[in-house]
C-alpha cells in the first residue's frame, strides 16, 4: 500500500517561509517548482518522487517524515507493542573519519 503524503505536516514544517520562498529554494536545486506547485502539495497532491528528497532537505527532515505511516506499518508496530516483543531495527549510520568508515546500528525495542 502506498504511503499518503501529509499536506498538513508540510504546512507546519514550512513555518514562516512562504510558498514562493520554498519554491525558489527548490528551483535553485534544479527543480521546476512554482508557488502553485507548493500550493497543490499543501492541498494534498503528492510531490513527484524525484523532488521529495530535496523538499525534505529544505524543510530539515527525512523524506519519510513527509508521509503518514501506512496501515500495515502501523498495525505491525501496534502488534509489537501489544506483545511486548523485542525488536531490532538496524539502521546503518556511517561516518567518515580520517579515511576510515565507521558503521553503527541503532537497536530499538519494546520491553
PDB file of N, CA and C in Angstrom:
ATOM      1  N   UNK A   1       0.845  -1.171   0.000  1.00  0.00           N
ATOM      2  CA  UNK A   1       0.000   0.000   0.000  1.00  0.00           C
ATOM      3  C   UNK A   1       0.893   1.238   0.000  1.00  0.00           C
ATOM      4  N   UNK A   2       0.572   2.208  -0.823  1.00  0.00           N
ATOM      5  CA  UNK A   2       1.349   3.439  -0.912  1.00  0.00           C
ATOM      6  C   UNK A   2       1.095   4.311   0.312  1.00  0.00           C
ATOM      7  N   UNK A   3       2.148   4.962   0.734  1.00  0.00           N
ATOM      8  CA  UNK A   3       2.029   5.865   1.875  1.00  0.00           C
ATOM      9  C   UNK A   3       1.430   7.185   1.408  1.00  0.00           C
ATOM     10  N   UNK A   4       0.658   7.815   2.260  1.00  0.00           N
ATOM     11  CA  UNK A   4      -0.040   9.047   1.919  1.00  0.00           C
ATOM     12  C   UNK A   4       0.806  10.261   2.309  1.00  0.00           C
ATOM     13  N   UNK A   5       0.954  11.179   1.364  1.00  0.00           N
ATOM     14  CA  UNK A   5       1.663  12.424   1.624  1.00  0.00           C
ATOM     15  C   UNK A   5       0.879  13.222   2.655  1.00  0.00           C
ATOM     16  N   UNK A   6       1.580  13.791   3.641  1.00  0.00           N
ATOM     17  CA  UNK A   6       0.924  14.535   4.714  1.00  0.00           C
ATOM     18  C   UNK A   6       1.031  16.040   4.438  1.00  0.00           C
ATOM     19  N   UNK A   7       0.004  16.591   3.812  1.00  0.00           N
ATOM     20  CA  UNK A   7      -0.020  18.006   3.442  1.00  0.00           C
ATOM     21  C   UNK A   7       0.019  18.908   4.668  1.00  0.00           C
ATOM     22  N   UNK A   8      -0.672  18.529   5.725  1.00  0.00           N
ATOM     23  CA  UNK A   8      -0.684  19.339   6.948  1.00  0.00           C
ATOM     24  C   UNK A   8       0.715  19.428   7.553  1.00  0.00           C
ATOM     25  N   UNK A   9       1.457  18.338   7.492  1.00  0.00           N
ATOM     26  CA  UNK A   9       2.818  18.338   8.018  1.00  0.00           C
ATOM     27  C   UNK A   9       3.698  19.281   7.190  1.00  0.00           C
ATOM     28  N   UNK A  10       3.495  19.287   5.867  1.00  0.00           N
ATOM     29  CA  UNK A  10       4.249  20.197   5.006  1.00  0.00           C
ATOM     30  C   UNK A  10       4.000  21.646   5.407  1.00  0.00           C
ATOM     31  N   UNK A  11       2.736  21.999   5.611  1.00  0.00           N
ATOM     32  CA  UNK A  11       2.391  23.370   6.016  1.00  0.00           C
ATOM     33  C   UNK A  11       3.081  23.707   7.338  1.00  0.00           C
ATOM     34  N   UNK A  12       3.019  22.787   8.294  1.00  0.00           N
ATOM     35  CA  UNK A  12       3.633  23.032   9.606  1.00  0.00           C
ATOM     36  C   UNK A  12       5.149  23.171   9.495  1.00  0.00           C
ATOM     37  N   UNK A  13       5.768  22.313   8.694  1.00  0.00           N
ATOM     38  CA  UNK A  13       7.222  22.353   8.551  1.00  0.00           C
ATOM     39  C   UNK A  13       7.693  23.596   7.797  1.00  0.00           C
ATOM     40  N   UNK A  14       6.872  24.078   6.894  1.00  0.00           N
ATOM     41  CA  UNK A  14       7.232  25.283   6.130  1.00  0.00           C
ATOM     42  C   UNK A  14       7.307  26.481   7.059  1.00  0.00           C
ATOM     43  N   UNK A  15       6.497  26.471   8.111  1.00  0.00           N
ATOM     44  CA  UNK A  15       6.551  27.526   9.131  1.00  0.00           C
ATOM     45  C   UNK A  15       6.316  28.908   8.560  1.00  0.00           C
ATOM     46  N   UNK A  16       7.255  29.816   8.822  1.00  0.00           N
ATOM     47  CA  UNK A  16       7.122  31.202   8.385  1.00  0.00           C
ATOM     48  C   UNK A  16       7.566  31.442   6.946  1.00  0.00           C
ATOM     49  N   UNK A  17       8.146  30.433   6.328  1.00  0.00           N
ATOM     50  CA  UNK A  17       8.560  30.586   4.927  1.00  0.00           C
ATOM     51  C   UNK A  17       7.313  30.635   4.051  1.00  0.00           C
ATOM     52  N   UNK A  18       7.362  31.440   3.024  1.00  0.00           N
ATOM     53  CA  UNK A  18       6.232  31.484   2.101  1.00  0.00           C
ATOM     54  C   UNK A  18       6.336  30.334   1.111  1.00  0.00           C
ATOM     55  N   UNK A  19       5.232  30.038   0.461  1.00  0.00           N
ATOM     56  CA  UNK A  19       5.244  29.028  -0.592  1.00  0.00           C
ATOM     57  C   UNK A  19       6.225  29.438  -1.682  1.00  0.00           C
ATOM     58  N   UNK A  20       6.258  30.717  -1.992  1.00  0.00           N
ATOM     59  CA  UNK A  20       7.171  31.233  -3.014  1.00  0.00           C
ATOM     60  C   UNK A  20       8.622  30.991  -2.614  1.00  0.00           C
ATOM     61  N   UNK A  21       8.972  31.246  -1.339  1.00  0.00           N
ATOM     62  CA  UNK A  21      10.344  31.027  -0.860  1.00  0.00           C
ATOM     63  C   UNK A  21      10.751  29.559  -0.988  1.00  0.00           C
ATOM     64  N   UNK A  22       9.849  28.663  -0.612  1.00  0.00           N
ATOM     65  CA  UNK A  22      10.139  27.234  -0.712  1.00  0.00           C
ATOM     66  C   UNK A  22      10.319  26.825  -2.167  1.00  0.00           C
ATOM     67  N   UNK A  23       9.433  27.309  -3.033  1.00  0.00           N
ATOM     68  CA  UNK A  23       9.538  27.001  -4.468  1.00  0.00           C
ATOM     69  C   UNK A  23      10.862  27.521  -5.031  1.00  0.00           C
ATOM     70  N   UNK A  24      11.256  28.732  -4.647  1.00  0.00           N
ATOM     71  CA  UNK A  24      12.520  29.314  -5.126  1.00  0.00           C
ATOM     72  C   UNK A  24      13.714  28.476  -4.691  1.00  0.00           C
ATOM     73  N   UNK A  25      13.691  27.994  -3.443  1.00  0.00           N
ATOM     74  CA  UNK A  25      14.779  27.162  -2.932  1.00  0.00           C
ATOM     75  C   UNK A  25      14.880  25.867  -3.742  1.00  0.00           C
ATOM     76  N   UNK A  26      13.747  25.295  -4.096  1.00  0.00           N
ATOM     77  CA  UNK A  26      13.756  24.057  -4.886  1.00  0.00           C
ATOM     78  C   UNK A  26      14.185  24.334  -6.331  1.00  0.00           C
ATOM     79  N   UNK A  27      13.831  25.497  -6.874  1.00  0.00           N
ATOM     80  CA  UNK A  27      14.294  25.861  -8.226  1.00  0.00           C
ATOM     81  C   UNK A  27      15.814  25.993  -8.245  1.00  0.00           C
ATOM     82  N   UNK A  28      16.391  26.546  -7.183  1.00  0.00           N
ATOM     83  CA  UNK A  28      17.854  26.660  -7.109  1.00  0.00           C
ATOM     84  C   UNK A  28      18.517  25.288  -7.098  1.00  0.00           C
ATOM     85  N   UNK A  29      17.779  24.273  -6.709  1.00  0.00           N
ATOM     86  CA  UNK A  29      18.301  22.900  -6.706  1.00  0.00           C
ATOM     87  C   UNK A  29      18.027  22.185  -8.029  1.00  0.00           C
ATOM     88  N   UNK A  30      17.443  22.915  -8.981  1.00  0.00           N
ATOM     89  CA  UNK A  30      17.238  22.340 -10.307  1.00  0.00           C
ATOM     90  C   UNK A  30      15.851  21.795 -10.578  1.00  0.00           C
ATOM     91  N   UNK A  31      14.905  22.032  -9.696  1.00  0.00           N
ATOM     92  CA  UNK A  31      13.538  21.565  -9.893  1.00  0.00           C
ATOM     93  C   UNK A  31      12.691  22.711 -10.437  1.00  0.00           C
ATOM     94  N   UNK A  32      11.718  22.415 -11.250  1.00  0.00           N
ATOM     95  CA  UNK A  32      10.851  23.436 -11.832  1.00  0.00           C
ATOM     96  C   UNK A  32       9.661  23.742 -10.954  1.00  0.00           C
ATOM     97  N   UNK A  33       9.907  23.960  -9.688  1.00  0.00           N
ATOM     98  CA  UNK A  33       8.846  24.155  -8.704  1.00  0.00           C
ATOM     99  C   UNK A  33       8.382  25.608  -8.688  1.00  0.00           C
ATOM    100  N   UNK A  34       7.077  25.803  -8.677  1.00  0.00           N
ATOM    101  CA  UNK A  34       6.493  27.144  -8.576  1.00  0.00           C
ATOM    102  C   UNK A  34       5.685  27.246  -7.291  1.00  0.00           C
ATOM    103  N   UNK A  35       5.265  28.442  -6.971  1.00  0.00           N
ATOM    104  CA  UNK A  35       4.411  28.647  -5.799  1.00  0.00           C
ATOM    105  C   UNK A  35       3.131  27.843  -5.959  1.00  0.00           C
ATOM    106  N   UNK A  36       2.612  27.765  -7.175  1.00  0.00           N
ATOM    107  CA  UNK A  36       1.390  26.993  -7.440  1.00  0.00           C
ATOM    108  C   UNK A  36       1.611  25.511  -7.135  1.00  0.00           C
ATOM    109  N   UNK A  37       2.799  25.007  -7.466  1.00  0.00           N
ATOM    110  CA  UNK A  37       3.121  23.605  -7.175  1.00  0.00           C
ATOM    111  C   UNK A  37       3.105  23.357  -5.678  1.00  0.00           C
ATOM    112  N   UNK A  38       3.736  24.237  -4.907  1.00  0.00           N
ATOM    113  CA  UNK A  38       3.757  24.092  -3.441  1.00  0.00           C
ATOM    114  C   UNK A  38       2.331  24.150  -2.899  1.00  0.00           C
ATOM    115  N   UNK A  39       1.522  25.057  -3.456  1.00  0.00           N
ATOM    116  CA  UNK A  39       0.123  25.163  -3.034  1.00  0.00           C
ATOM    117  C   UNK A  39      -0.623  23.857  -3.283  1.00  0.00           C
ATOM    118  N   UNK A  40      -0.364  23.222  -4.405  1.00  0.00           N
ATOM    119  CA  UNK A  40      -1.013  21.927  -4.710  1.00  0.00           C
ATOM    120  C   UNK A  40      -0.593  20.855  -3.711  1.00  0.00           C
ATOM    121  N   UNK A  41       0.694  20.852  -3.376  1.00  0.00           N
ATOM    122  CA  UNK A  41       1.164  19.880  -2.375  1.00  0.00           C
ATOM    123  C   UNK A  41       0.452  20.103  -1.049  1.00  0.00           C
ATOM    124  N   UNK A  42       0.299  21.375  -0.682  1.00  0.00           N
ATOM    125  CA  UNK A  42      -0.348  21.684   0.596  1.00  0.00           C
ATOM    126  C   UNK A  42      -1.847  21.428   0.565  1.00  0.00           C
ATOM    127  N   UNK A  43      -2.377  21.205  -0.631  1.00  0.00           N
ATOM    128  CA  UNK A  43      -3.792  20.844  -0.776  1.00  0.00           C
ATOM    129  C   UNK A  43      -3.971  19.338  -0.898  1.00  0.00           C
ATOM    130  N   UNK A  44      -2.871  18.592  -0.790  1.00  0.00           N
ATOM    131  CA  UNK A  44      -2.968  17.139  -0.779  1.00  0.00           C
ATOM    132  C   UNK A  44      -2.378  16.409  -1.959  1.00  0.00           C
ATOM    133  N   UNK A  45      -1.927  17.114  -2.987  1.00  0.00           N
ATOM    134  CA  UNK A  45      -1.305  16.439  -4.125  1.00  0.00           C
ATOM    135  C   UNK A  45       0.089  15.958  -3.706  1.00  0.00           C
ATOM    136  N   UNK A  46       0.428  14.744  -4.051  1.00  0.00           N
ATOM    137  CA  UNK A  46       1.725  14.180  -3.690  1.00  0.00           C
ATOM    138  C   UNK A  46       2.802  14.688  -4.640  1.00  0.00           C
ATOM    139  N   UNK A  47       3.916  15.194  -4.089  1.00  0.00           N
ATOM    140  CA  UNK A  47       5.017  15.643  -4.950  1.00  0.00           C
ATOM    141  C   UNK A  47       5.609  14.466  -5.715  1.00  0.00           C
ATOM    142  N   UNK A  48       6.225  14.757  -6.861  1.00  0.00           N
ATOM    143  CA  UNK A  48       6.931  13.715  -7.607  1.00  0.00           C
ATOM    144  C   UNK A  48       8.025  13.139  -6.716  1.00  0.00           C
ATOM    145  N   UNK A  49       8.284  11.869  -6.877  1.00  0.00           N
ATOM    146  CA  UNK A  49       9.297  11.219  -6.045  1.00  0.00           C
ATOM    147  C   UNK A  49      10.667  11.852  -6.240  1.00  0.00           C
ATOM    148  N   UNK A  50      10.932  12.401  -7.421  1.00  0.00           N
ATOM    149  CA  UNK A  50      12.236  12.996  -7.684  1.00  0.00           C
ATOM    150  C   UNK A  50      12.497  14.255  -6.859  1.00  0.00           C
ATOM    151  N   UNK A  51      11.455  14.911  -6.368  1.00  0.00           N
ATOM    152  CA  UNK A  51      11.618  16.158  -5.612  1.00  0.00           C
ATOM    153  C   UNK A  51      11.492  15.956  -4.101  1.00  0.00           C
ATOM    154  N   UNK A  52      10.994  14.816  -3.668  1.00  0.00           N
ATOM    155  CA  UNK A  52      10.721  14.584  -2.241  1.00  0.00           C
ATOM    156  C   UNK A  52      11.981  14.739  -1.386  1.00  0.00           C
ATOM    157  N   UNK A  53      13.106  14.205  -1.824  1.00  0.00           N
ATOM    158  CA  UNK A  53      14.342  14.298  -1.054  1.00  0.00           C
ATOM    159  C   UNK A  53      14.793  15.741  -0.856  1.00  0.00           C
ATOM    160  N   UNK A  54      14.756  16.523  -1.938  1.00  0.00           N
ATOM    161  CA  UNK A  54      15.154  17.931  -1.859  1.00  0.00           C
ATOM    162  C   UNK A  54      14.169  18.720  -1.002  1.00  0.00           C
ATOM    163  N   UNK A  55      12.886  18.418  -1.134  1.00  0.00           N
ATOM    164  CA  UNK A  55      11.856  19.085  -0.333  1.00  0.00           C
ATOM    165  C   UNK A  55      12.108  18.825   1.150  1.00  0.00           C
ATOM    166  N   UNK A  56      12.337  17.562   1.496  1.00  0.00           N
ATOM    167  CA  UNK A  56      12.604  17.198   2.888  1.00  0.00           C
ATOM    168  C   UNK A  56      13.863  17.896   3.392  1.00  0.00           C
ATOM    169  N   UNK A  57      14.902  17.925   2.565  1.00  0.00           N
ATOM    170  CA  UNK A  57      16.148  18.572   2.951  1.00  0.00           C
ATOM    171  C   UNK A  57      15.933  20.058   3.219  1.00  0.00           C
ATOM    172  N   UNK A  58      15.165  20.712   2.365  1.00  0.00           N
ATOM    173  CA  UNK A  58      14.863  22.139   2.556  1.00  0.00           C
ATOM    174  C   UNK A  58      14.100  22.378   3.864  1.00  0.00           C
ATOM    175  N   UNK A  59      13.302  21.409   4.259  1.00  0.00           N
ATOM    176  CA  UNK A  59      12.487  21.541   5.473  1.00  0.00           C
ATOM    177  C   UNK A  59      13.202  21.010   6.721  1.00  0.00           C
ATOM    178  N   UNK A  60      14.380  20.415   6.518  1.00  0.00           N
ATOM    179  CA  UNK A  60      15.157  19.917   7.647  1.00  0.00           C
ATOM    180  C   UNK A  60      14.665  18.622   8.244  1.00  0.00           C
ATOM    181  N   UNK A  61      14.030  17.781   7.408  1.00  0.00           N
ATOM    182  CA  UNK A  61      13.521  16.495   7.887  1.00  0.00           C
ATOM    183  C   UNK A  61      13.948  15.380   6.944  1.00  0.00           C
ATOM    184  N   UNK A  62      13.690  14.141   7.335  1.00  0.00           N
ATOM    185  CA  UNK A  62      13.915  12.993   6.467  1.00  0.00           C
ATOM    186  C   UNK A  62      12.713  12.865   5.537  1.00  0.00           C
ATOM    187  N   UNK A  63      12.903  12.364   4.322  1.00  0.00           N
ATOM    188  CA  UNK A  63      11.778  12.221   3.387  1.00  0.00           C
ATOM    189  C   UNK A  63      10.583  11.466   3.975  1.00  0.00           C
ATOM    190  N   UNK A  64      10.840  10.431   4.778  1.00  0.00           N
ATOM    191  CA  UNK A  64       9.745   9.653   5.374  1.00  0.00           C
ATOM    192  C   UNK A  64       8.837  10.504   6.248  1.00  0.00           C
ATOM    193  N   UNK A  65       9.379  11.588   6.797  1.00  0.00           N
ATOM    194  CA  UNK A  65       8.592  12.421   7.695  1.00  0.00           C
ATOM    195  C   UNK A  65       7.537  13.251   6.975  1.00  0.00           C
ATOM    196  N   UNK A  66       7.558  13.228   5.649  1.00  0.00           N
ATOM    197  CA  UNK A  66       6.549  13.940   4.869  1.00  0.00           C
ATOM    198  C   UNK A  66       5.341  13.052   4.555  1.00  0.00           C
ATOM    199  N   UNK A  67       5.409  11.799   4.989  1.00  0.00           N
ATOM    200  CA  UNK A  67       4.351  10.844   4.693  1.00  0.00           C
ATOM    201  C   UNK A  67       3.802  10.248   5.973  1.00  0.00           C
ATOM    202  N   UNK A  68       2.538   9.838   5.932  1.00  0.00           N
ATOM    203  CA  UNK A  68       1.930   9.117   7.041  1.00  0.00           C
ATOM    204  C   UNK A  68       2.435   7.684   7.008  1.00  0.00           C
ATOM    205  N   UNK A  69       2.476   7.044   8.172  1.00  0.00           N
ATOM    206  CA  UNK A  69       2.795   5.622   8.220  1.00  0.00           C
ATOM    207  C   UNK A  69       1.661   4.871   7.533  1.00  0.00           C
ATOM    208  N   UNK A  70       2.009   3.860   6.747  1.00  0.00           N
ATOM    209  CA  UNK A  70       0.928   3.114   6.102  1.00  0.00           C
ATOM    210  C   UNK A  70       0.240   2.213   7.110  1.00  0.00           C
ATOM    211  N   UNK A  71      -0.962   1.757   6.767  1.00  0.00           N
ATOM    212  CA  UNK A  71      -1.772   0.959   7.690  1.00  0.00           C
ATOM    213  C   UNK A  71      -1.054  -0.299   8.135  1.00  0.00           C
ATOM    214  N   UNK A  72      -0.324  -0.935   7.209  1.00  0.00           N
ATOM    215  CA  UNK A  72       0.382  -2.169   7.527  1.00  0.00           C
ATOM    216  C   UNK A  72       1.489  -1.904   8.551  1.00  0.00           C
ATOM    217  N   UNK A  73       2.229  -0.804   8.362  1.00  0.00           N
ATOM    218  CA  UNK A  73       3.301  -0.447   9.292  1.00  0.00           C
ATOM    219  C   UNK A  73       2.728  -0.127  10.666  1.00  0.00           C
ATOM    220  N   UNK A  74       1.636   0.626  10.704  1.00  0.00           N
ATOM    221  CA  UNK A  74       1.004   0.988  11.971  1.00  0.00           C
ATOM    222  C   UNK A  74       0.499  -0.261  12.697  1.00  0.00           C
ATOM    223  N   UNK A  75      -0.109  -1.181  11.971  1.00  0.00           N
ATOM    224  CA  UNK A  75      -0.611  -2.416  12.568  1.00  0.00           C
ATOM    225  C   UNK A  75       0.543  -3.255  13.105  1.00  0.00           C
ATOM    226  N   UNK A  76       1.644  -3.282  12.368  1.00  0.00           N
ATOM    227  CA  UNK A  76       2.810  -4.036  12.786  1.00  0.00           C
ATOM    228  C   UNK A  76       3.369  -3.475  14.091  1.00  0.00           C
ATOM    229  N   UNK A  77       3.499  -2.153  14.186  1.00  0.00           N
ATOM    230  CA  UNK A  77       4.005  -1.534  15.405  1.00  0.00           C
ATOM    231  C   UNK A  77       3.074  -1.782  16.575  1.00  0.00           C
ATOM    232  N   UNK A  78       1.775  -1.717  16.338  1.00  0.00           N
ATOM    233  CA  UNK A  78       0.799  -1.965  17.390  1.00  0.00           C
ATOM    234  C   UNK A  78       0.926  -3.390  17.900  1.00  0.00           C
ATOM    235  N   UNK A  79       1.100  -4.329  16.979  1.00  0.00           N
ATOM    236  CA  UNK A  79       1.236  -5.730  17.341  1.00  0.00           C
ATOM    237  C   UNK A  79       2.475  -5.950  18.201  1.00  0.00           C
ATOM    238  N   UNK A  80       3.566  -5.299  17.830  1.00  0.00           N
ATOM    239  CA  UNK A  80       4.802  -5.439  18.597  1.00  0.00           C
ATOM    240  C   UNK A  80       4.633  -4.895  20.001  1.00  0.00           C
ATOM    241  N   UNK A  81       3.980  -3.777  20.118  1.00  0.00           N
ATOM    242  CA  UNK A  81       3.789  -3.177  21.431  1.00  0.00           C
ATOM    243  C   UNK A  81       2.890  -4.050  22.289  1.00  0.00           C
ATOM    244  N   UNK A  82       1.807  -4.568  21.703  1.00  0.00           N
ATOM    245  CA  UNK A  82       0.885  -5.406  22.452  1.00  0.00           C
ATOM    246  C   UNK A  82       1.563  -6.674  22.946  1.00  0.00           C
ATOM    247  N   UNK A  83       2.428  -7.238  22.165  1.00  0.00           N
ATOM    248  CA  UNK A  83       3.088  -8.493  22.525  1.00  0.00           C
ATOM    249  C   UNK A  83       4.336  -8.275  23.366  1.00  0.00           C
ATOM    250  N   UNK A  84       4.717  -7.004  23.561  1.00  0.00           N
ATOM    251  CA  UNK A  84       5.927  -6.668  24.326  1.00  0.00           C
ATOM    252  C   UNK A  84       7.149  -7.418  23.815  1.00  0.00           C
ATOM    253  N   UNK A  85       7.265  -7.493  22.496  1.00  0.00           N
ATOM    254  CA  UNK A  85       8.388  -8.196  21.881  1.00  0.00           C
ATOM    255  C   UNK A  85       9.571  -7.250  21.715  1.00  0.00           C
ATOM    256  N   UNK A  86      10.754  -7.817  21.705  1.00  0.00           N
ATOM    257  CA  UNK A  86      11.960  -7.042  21.453  1.00  0.00           C
ATOM    258  C   UNK A  86      12.189  -7.020  19.950  1.00  0.00           C
ATOM    259  N   UNK A  87      12.434  -5.835  19.438  1.00  0.00           N
ATOM    260  CA  UNK A  87      12.628  -5.678  18.000  1.00  0.00           C
ATOM    261  C   UNK A  87      13.947  -4.974  17.757  1.00  0.00           C
ATOM    262  N   UNK A  88      14.717  -5.482  16.850  1.00  0.00           N
ATOM    263  CA  UNK A  88      15.957  -4.808  16.464  1.00  0.00           C
ATOM    264  C   UNK A  88      15.752  -4.219  15.081  1.00  0.00           C
ATOM    265  N   UNK A  89      15.860  -2.911  15.003  1.00  0.00           N
ATOM    266  CA  UNK A  89      15.750  -2.234  13.722  1.00  0.00           C
ATOM    267  C   UNK A  89      17.152  -1.750  13.391  1.00  0.00           C
ATOM    268  N   UNK A  90      17.735  -2.344  12.386  1.00  0.00           N
ATOM    269  CA  UNK A  90      19.103  -1.997  12.044  1.00  0.00           C
ATOM    270  C   UNK A  90      19.103  -0.880  11.014  1.00  0.00           C
ATOM    271  N   UNK A  91      19.648   0.242  11.406  1.00  0.00           N
ATOM    272  CA  UNK A  91      19.738   1.391  10.520  1.00  0.00           C
ATOM    273  C   UNK A  91      21.208   1.778  10.436  1.00  0.00           C
ATOM    274  N   UNK A  92      21.863   1.409   9.344  1.00  0.00           N
ATOM    275  CA  UNK A  92      23.285   1.762   9.265  1.00  0.00           C
ATOM    276  C   UNK A  92      23.471   3.267   9.268  1.00  0.00           C
ATOM    277  N   UNK A  93      24.357   3.707  10.087  1.00  0.00           N
ATOM    278  CA  UNK A  93      24.718   5.124  10.133  1.00  0.00           C
ATOM    279  C   UNK A  93      26.228   5.182   9.971  1.00  0.00           C
ATOM    280  N   UNK A  94      26.675   5.663   8.848  1.00  0.00           N
ATOM    281  CA  UNK A  94      28.108   5.687   8.620  1.00  0.00           C
ATOM    282  C   UNK A  94      28.647   7.093   8.744  1.00  0.00           C
ATOM    283  N   UNK A  95      29.841   7.165   9.211  1.00  0.00           N
ATOM    284  CA  UNK A  95      30.523   8.447   9.325  1.00  0.00           C
ATOM    285  C   UNK A  95      31.949   8.264   8.847  1.00  0.00           C
ATOM    286  N   UNK A  96      32.404   9.157   8.025  1.00  0.00           N
ATOM    287  CA  UNK A  96      33.772   9.089   7.534  1.00  0.00           C
ATOM    288  C   UNK A  96      34.675   9.880   8.475  1.00  0.00           C
ATOM    289  N   UNK A  97      35.691   9.209   8.994  1.00  0.00           N
ATOM    290  CA  UNK A  97      36.632   9.881   9.883  1.00  0.00           C
ATOM    291  C   UNK A  97      38.042   9.460   9.505  1.00  0.00           C
ATOM    292  N   UNK A  98      38.842  10.407   9.113  1.00  0.00           N
ATOM    293  CA  UNK A  98      40.243  10.115   8.802  1.00  0.00           C
ATOM    294  C   UNK A  98      40.431   9.024   7.773  1.00  0.00           C
ATOM    295  N   UNK A  99      39.574   8.972   6.766  1.00  0.00           N
ATOM    296  CA  UNK A  99      39.710   7.969   5.730  1.00  0.00           C
ATOM    297  C   UNK A  99      39.109   6.622   6.095  1.00  0.00           C
ATOM    298  N   UNK A 100      38.648   6.462   7.318  1.00  0.00           N
ATOM    299  CA  UNK A 100      38.033   5.208   7.736  1.00  0.00           C
ATOM    300  C   UNK A 100      36.522   5.371   7.748  1.00  0.00           C
ATOM    301  N   UNK A 101      35.820   4.291   7.519  1.00  0.00           N
ATOM    302  CA  UNK A 101      34.367   4.319   7.583  1.00  0.00           C
ATOM    303  C   UNK A 101      33.921   3.590   8.831  1.00  0.00           C
ATOM    304  N   UNK A 102      33.114   4.255   9.621  1.00  0.00           N
ATOM    305  CA  UNK A 102      32.559   3.658  10.830  1.00  0.00           C
ATOM    306  C   UNK A 102      31.078   3.420  10.598  1.00  0.00           C
ATOM    307  N   UNK A 103      30.619   2.227  10.859  1.00  0.00           N
ATOM    308  CA  UNK A 103      29.210   1.909  10.711  1.00  0.00           C
ATOM    309  C   UNK A 103      28.686   1.510  12.083  1.00  0.00           C
ATOM    310  N   UNK A 104      27.593   2.169  12.480  1.00  0.00           N
ATOM    311  CA  UNK A 104      26.972   1.827  13.749  1.00  0.00           C
ATOM    312  C   UNK A 104      25.507   1.504  13.499  1.00  0.00           C
ATOM    313  N   UNK A 105      24.874   0.855  14.441  1.00  0.00           N
ATOM    314  CA  UNK A 105      23.496   0.459  14.317  1.00  0.00           C
ATOM    315  C   UNK A 105      22.709   0.927  15.520  1.00  0.00           C
ATOM    316  N   UNK A 106      21.451   1.248  15.263  1.00  0.00           N
ATOM    317  CA  UNK A 106      20.545   1.639  16.338  1.00  0.00           C
ATOM    318  C   UNK A 106      19.630   0.458  16.594  1.00  0.00           C
ATOM    319  N   UNK A 107      19.514   0.037  17.830  1.00  0.00           N
ATOM    320  CA  UNK A 107      18.632  -1.068  18.188  1.00  0.00           C
ATOM    321  C   UNK A 107      17.526  -0.498  19.049  1.00  0.00           C
ATOM    322  N   UNK A 108      16.281  -0.670  18.551  1.00  0.00           N
ATOM    323  CA  UNK A 108      15.126  -0.208  19.310  1.00  0.00           C
ATOM    324  C   UNK A 108      14.304  -1.402  19.733  1.00  0.00           C
ATOM    325  N   UNK A 109      13.710  -1.316  20.865  1.00  0.00           N
ATOM    326  CA  UNK A 109      12.904  -2.436  21.308  1.00  0.00           C
ATOM    327  C   UNK A 109      11.773  -2.003  22.216  1.00  0.00           C
ATOM    328  N   UNK A 110      10.794  -2.862  22.340  1.00  0.00           N
ATOM    329  CA  UNK A 110       9.681  -2.653  23.241  1.00  0.00           C
ATOM    330  C   UNK A 110       9.813  -3.706  24.322  1.00  0.00           C
ATOM    331  N   UNK A 111       9.919  -3.275  25.537  1.00  0.00           N
ATOM    332  CA  UNK A 111      10.124  -4.242  26.624  1.00  0.00           C
ATOM    333  C   UNK A 111       8.898  -4.294  27.493  1.00  0.00           C
TER     334      UNK A 111
END
